[in-house]
Amino acid sequence: MSRTLLTSDIHGELYLFKELLDQVKYDDSKDQLILLGDYIDRGPASKEVLDFIMKLKEHGAKVLMGNHEQIMLDVFEKENKYEWDFWLYTAGGLATMRSYGFTEKDLKQAGDLHDFSLQAFYVKISSDI
């Protein structure tokens, strides 16, 4: 390997991430790419970023999980309305869910504090994987 390249905080910005790789002339046969997390949230293309990163991983990139991925996993594991709202409206999860084709109307299906479930979203996301 001639170079070790590290980057993080892509946050759903596929175009900018690809532009960065082009600018540094990333070559998977010569360079070791290490991705340090925060691939999702805020930007418009979180799903596409994750798809691209999976391809990079197949070609030798090392991929670590960031706090935004952990927040999303925690939200779906705990199914807590407060954490759901924090992720969607503070951490940038709304953009991630939009990149998977969900609308704000769809997201309201999760319910309120007294009747809250994320089960409807498991089927949609798992069918895309």
C-alpha atoms as a PDB file:
ATOM      1  CA  MET A   1       0.000   0.000   0.000  1.00  0.00           C
ATOM      2  CA  SER A   2       1.363   3.395  -0.908  1.00  0.00           C
ATOM      3  CA  ARG A   3      -0.986   5.562   1.175  1.00  0.00           C
ATOM      4  CA  THR A   4      -3.367   5.274   4.077  1.00  0.00           C
ATOM      5  CA  LEU A   5      -6.347   7.572   3.625  1.00  0.00           C
ATOM      6  CA  LEU A   6      -8.731   8.354   6.480  1.00  0.00           C
ATOM      7  CA  THR A   7     -11.970  10.269   6.417  1.00  0.00           C
ATOM      8  CA  SER A   8     -15.168  10.608   8.418  1.00  0.00           C
ATOM      9  CA  ASP A   9     -18.345  12.635   8.736  1.00  0.00           C
ATOM     10  CA  ILE A  10     -19.740  12.028   5.262  1.00  0.00           C
ATOM     11  CA  HIS A  11     -23.293  12.593   6.581  1.00  0.00           C
ATOM     12  CA  GLY A  12     -25.234  11.581   3.492  1.00  0.00           C
ATOM     13  CA  GLU A  13     -23.213  13.713   1.073  1.00  0.00           C
ATOM     14  CA  LEU A  14     -22.435  11.139  -1.629  1.00  0.00           C
ATOM     15  CA  TYR A  15     -21.421  13.670  -4.280  1.00  0.00           C
ATOM     16  CA  LEU A  16     -18.934  15.384  -1.957  1.00  0.00           C
ATOM     17  CA  PHE A  17     -17.524  12.061  -0.759  1.00  0.00           C
ATOM     18  CA  LYS A  18     -16.954  10.833  -4.316  1.00  0.00           C
ATOM     19  CA  GLU A  19     -15.430  14.204  -5.207  1.00  0.00           C
ATOM     20  CA  LEU A  20     -13.019  13.870  -2.281  1.00  0.00           C
ATOM     21  CA  LEU A  21     -11.952  10.399  -3.424  1.00  0.00           C
ATOM     22  CA  ASP A  22     -11.435  11.750  -6.948  1.00  0.00           C
ATOM     23  CA  GLN A  23      -9.385  14.701  -5.698  1.00  0.00           C
ATOM     24  CA  VAL A  24      -7.000  12.472  -3.749  1.00  0.00           C
ATOM     25  CA  LYS A  25      -6.944  10.024  -6.678  1.00  0.00           C
ATOM     26  CA  TYR A  26      -7.968   7.101  -4.487  1.00  0.00           C
ATOM     27  CA  ASP A  27      -6.886   3.769  -5.996  1.00  0.00           C
ATOM     28  CA  ASP A  28      -8.092   0.698  -4.134  1.00  0.00           C
ATOM     29  CA  SER A  29      -5.215  -1.373  -5.531  1.00  0.00           C
ATOM     30  CA  LYS A  30      -2.630   0.968  -3.988  1.00  0.00           C
ATOM     31  CA  ASP A  31      -4.324   2.835  -1.133  1.00  0.00           C
ATOM     32  CA  GLN A  32      -5.776   1.718   2.185  1.00  0.00           C
ATOM     33  CA  LEU A  33      -8.991   3.624   2.816  1.00  0.00           C
ATOM     34  CA  ILE A  34     -10.204   3.818   6.407  1.00  0.00           C
ATOM     35  CA  LEU A  35     -13.655   5.267   7.018  1.00  0.00           C
ATOM     36  CA  LEU A  36     -14.220   6.474  10.565  1.00  0.00           C
ATOM     37  CA  GLY A  37     -18.004   6.684  10.694  1.00  0.00           C
ATOM     38  CA  ASP A  38     -20.875   9.144  10.495  1.00  0.00           C
ATOM     39  CA  TYR A  39     -22.000   8.158   7.005  1.00  0.00           C
ATOM     40  CA  ILE A  40     -25.679   8.940   7.563  1.00  0.00           C
ATOM     41  CA  ASP A  41     -27.922  11.826   8.624  1.00  0.00           C
ATOM     42  CA  ARG A  42     -28.253  15.440   7.499  1.00  0.00           C
ATOM     43  CA  GLY A  43     -27.350  15.046   3.798  1.00  0.00           C
ATOM     44  CA  PRO A  44     -29.765  13.886   1.089  1.00  0.00           C
ATOM     45  CA  ALA A  45     -28.183  10.529   0.168  1.00  0.00           C
ATOM     46  CA  SER A  46     -27.536   8.440   3.290  1.00  0.00           C
ATOM     47  CA  LYS A  47     -28.802   5.226   1.687  1.00  0.00           C
ATOM     48  CA  GLU A  48     -26.658   5.788  -1.372  1.00  0.00           C
ATOM     49  CA  VAL A  49     -23.618   6.576   0.806  1.00  0.00           C
ATOM     50  CA  LEU A  50     -24.088   3.281   2.664  1.00  0.00           C
ATOM     51  CA  ASP A  51     -24.472   1.389  -0.630  1.00  0.00           C
ATOM     52  CA  PHE A  52     -21.262   2.982  -1.934  1.00  0.00           C
ATOM     53  CA  ILE A  53     -19.380   2.256   1.284  1.00  0.00           C
ATOM     54  CA  MET A  54     -20.383  -1.412   1.086  1.00  0.00           C
ATOM     55  CA  LYS A  55     -18.810  -1.528  -2.388  1.00  0.00           C
ATOM     56  CA  LEU A  56     -15.675   0.179  -1.080  1.00  0.00           C
ATOM     57  CA  LYS A  57     -15.510  -2.379   1.724  1.00  0.00           C
ATOM     58  CA  GLU A  58     -15.635  -5.198  -0.841  1.00  0.00           C
ATOM     59  CA  HIS A  59     -12.507  -3.627  -2.354  1.00  0.00           C
ATOM     60  CA  GLY A  60     -10.585  -3.448   0.898  1.00  0.00           C
ATOM     61  CA  ALA A  61     -11.753  -0.312   2.689  1.00  0.00           C
ATOM     62  CA  LYS A  62     -11.891  -0.549   6.486  1.00  0.00           C
ATOM     63  CA  VAL A  63     -15.233   0.701   7.789  1.00  0.00           C
ATOM     64  CA  LEU A  64     -15.918   1.782  11.366  1.00  0.00           C
ATOM     65  CA  MET A  65     -19.227   2.818  12.872  1.00  0.00           C
ATOM     66  CA  GLY A  66     -19.729   6.384  14.047  1.00  0.00           C
ATOM     67  CA  ASN A  67     -22.022   7.887  16.637  1.00  0.00           C
ATOM     68  CA  HIS A  68     -24.749   8.667  14.081  1.00  0.00           C
ATOM     69  CA  GLU A  69     -24.965   5.023  13.044  1.00  0.00           C
ATOM     70  CA  GLN A  70     -25.062   4.071  16.739  1.00  0.00           C
ATOM     71  CA  ILE A  71     -27.864   6.565  17.406  1.00  0.00           C
ATOM     72  CA  MET A  72     -29.904   5.050  14.569  1.00  0.00           C
ATOM     73  CA  LEU A  73     -29.322   1.503  15.814  1.00  0.00           C
ATOM     74  CA  ASP A  74     -30.267   2.519  19.363  1.00  0.00           C
ATOM     75  CA  VAL A  75     -33.478   4.129  18.116  1.00  0.00           C
ATOM     76  CA  PHE A  76     -34.602   0.967  16.353  1.00  0.00           C
ATOM     77  CA  GLU A  77     -33.489  -1.308  19.178  1.00  0.00           C
ATOM     78  CA  LYS A  78     -35.154   0.654  21.988  1.00  0.00           C
ATOM     79  CA  GLU A  79     -38.229   1.927  20.098  1.00  0.00           C
ATOM     80  CA  ASN A  80     -38.479   5.011  22.268  1.00  0.00           C
ATOM     81  CA  LYS A  81     -40.468   8.022  21.044  1.00  0.00           C
ATOM     82  CA  TYR A  82     -38.089  10.535  22.637  1.00  0.00           C
ATOM     83  CA  GLU A  83     -35.033   8.964  21.002  1.00  0.00           C
ATOM     84  CA  TRP A  84     -36.893   8.690  17.678  1.00  0.00           C
ATOM     85  CA  ASP A  85     -37.709  12.391  17.737  1.00  0.00           C
ATOM     86  CA  PHE A  86     -34.154  13.291  18.776  1.00  0.00           C
ATOM     87  CA  TRP A  87     -32.705  11.259  15.906  1.00  0.00           C
ATOM     88  CA  LEU A  88     -35.151  12.569  13.303  1.00  0.00           C
ATOM     89  CA  TYR A  89     -35.207  16.240  14.207  1.00  0.00           C
ATOM     90  CA  THR A  90     -31.899  16.912  15.985  1.00  0.00           C
ATOM     91  CA  ALA A  91     -29.341  14.366  14.758  1.00  0.00           C
ATOM     92  CA  GLY A  92     -30.462  14.468  11.123  1.00  0.00           C
ATOM     93  CA  GLY A  93     -32.294  11.155  10.853  1.00  0.00           C
ATOM     94  CA  LEU A  94     -35.119  12.734   8.871  1.00  0.00           C
ATOM     95  CA  ALA A  95     -32.776  13.046   5.886  1.00  0.00           C
ATOM     96  CA  THR A  96     -31.712   9.419   6.304  1.00  0.00           C
ATOM     97  CA  MET A  97     -35.287   8.181   6.333  1.00  0.00           C
ATOM     98  CA  ARG A  98     -36.092  10.308   3.270  1.00  0.00           C
ATOM     99  CA  SER A  99     -33.172   8.706   1.431  1.00  0.00           C
ATOM    100  CA  TYR A 100     -34.905   5.358   2.010  1.00  0.00           C
ATOM    101  CA  GLY A 101     -38.079   6.729   0.432  1.00  0.00           C
ATOM    102  CA  PHE A 102     -40.061   7.585   3.565  1.00  0.00           C
ATOM    103  CA  THR A 103     -42.108  10.767   3.730  1.00  0.00           C
ATOM    104  CA  GLU A 104     -42.935  12.759   6.855  1.00  0.00           C
ATOM    105  CA  LYS A 105     -46.450  11.334   6.578  1.00  0.00           C
ATOM    106  CA  ASP A 106     -44.950   7.822   6.661  1.00  0.00           C
ATOM    107  CA  LEU A 107     -42.906   8.700   9.733  1.00  0.00           C
ATOM    108  CA  LYS A 108     -46.008   9.777  11.633  1.00  0.00           C
ATOM    109  CA  GLN A 109     -47.100   6.113  11.489  1.00  0.00           C
ATOM    110  CA  ALA A 110     -44.686   5.486  14.364  1.00  0.00           C
ATOM    111  CA  GLY A 111     -47.359   6.964  16.604  1.00  0.00           C
ATOM    112  CA  ASP A 112     -47.226   8.987  19.791  1.00  0.00           C
ATOM    113  CA  LEU A 113     -45.981   8.396  23.314  1.00  0.00           C
ATOM    114  CA  HIS A 114     -48.861   6.071  24.168  1.00  0.00           C
ATOM    115  CA  ASP A 115     -48.896   4.008  20.976  1.00  0.00           C
ATOM    116  CA  PHE A 116     -45.400   3.974  19.488  1.00  0.00           C
ATOM    117  CA  SER A 117     -43.856   1.341  17.202  1.00  0.00           C
ATOM    118  CA  LEU A 118     -41.197   1.291  14.512  1.00  0.00           C
ATOM    119  CA  GLN A 119     -42.193  -2.115  13.121  1.00  0.00           C
ATOM    120  CA  ALA A 120     -43.525  -0.630   9.874  1.00  0.00           C
ATOM    121  CA  PHE A 121     -40.042   0.685   9.105  1.00  0.00           C
ATOM    122  CA  TYR A 122     -38.185  -2.602   9.652  1.00  0.00           C
ATOM    123  CA  VAL A 123     -39.815  -4.215   6.628  1.00  0.00           C
ATOM    124  CA  LYS A 124     -39.035  -1.297   4.325  1.00  0.00           C
ATOM    125  CA  ILE A 125     -35.406  -0.930   5.352  1.00  0.00           C
ATOM    126  CA  SER A 126     -34.643  -4.653   5.512  1.00  0.00           C
ATOM    127  CA  SER A 127     -36.065  -5.190   2.035  1.00  0.00           C
ATOM    128  CA  ASP A 128     -33.547  -2.654   0.687  1.00  0.00           C
ATOM    129  CA  ILE A 129     -30.535  -4.436   2.159  1.00  0.00           C
END
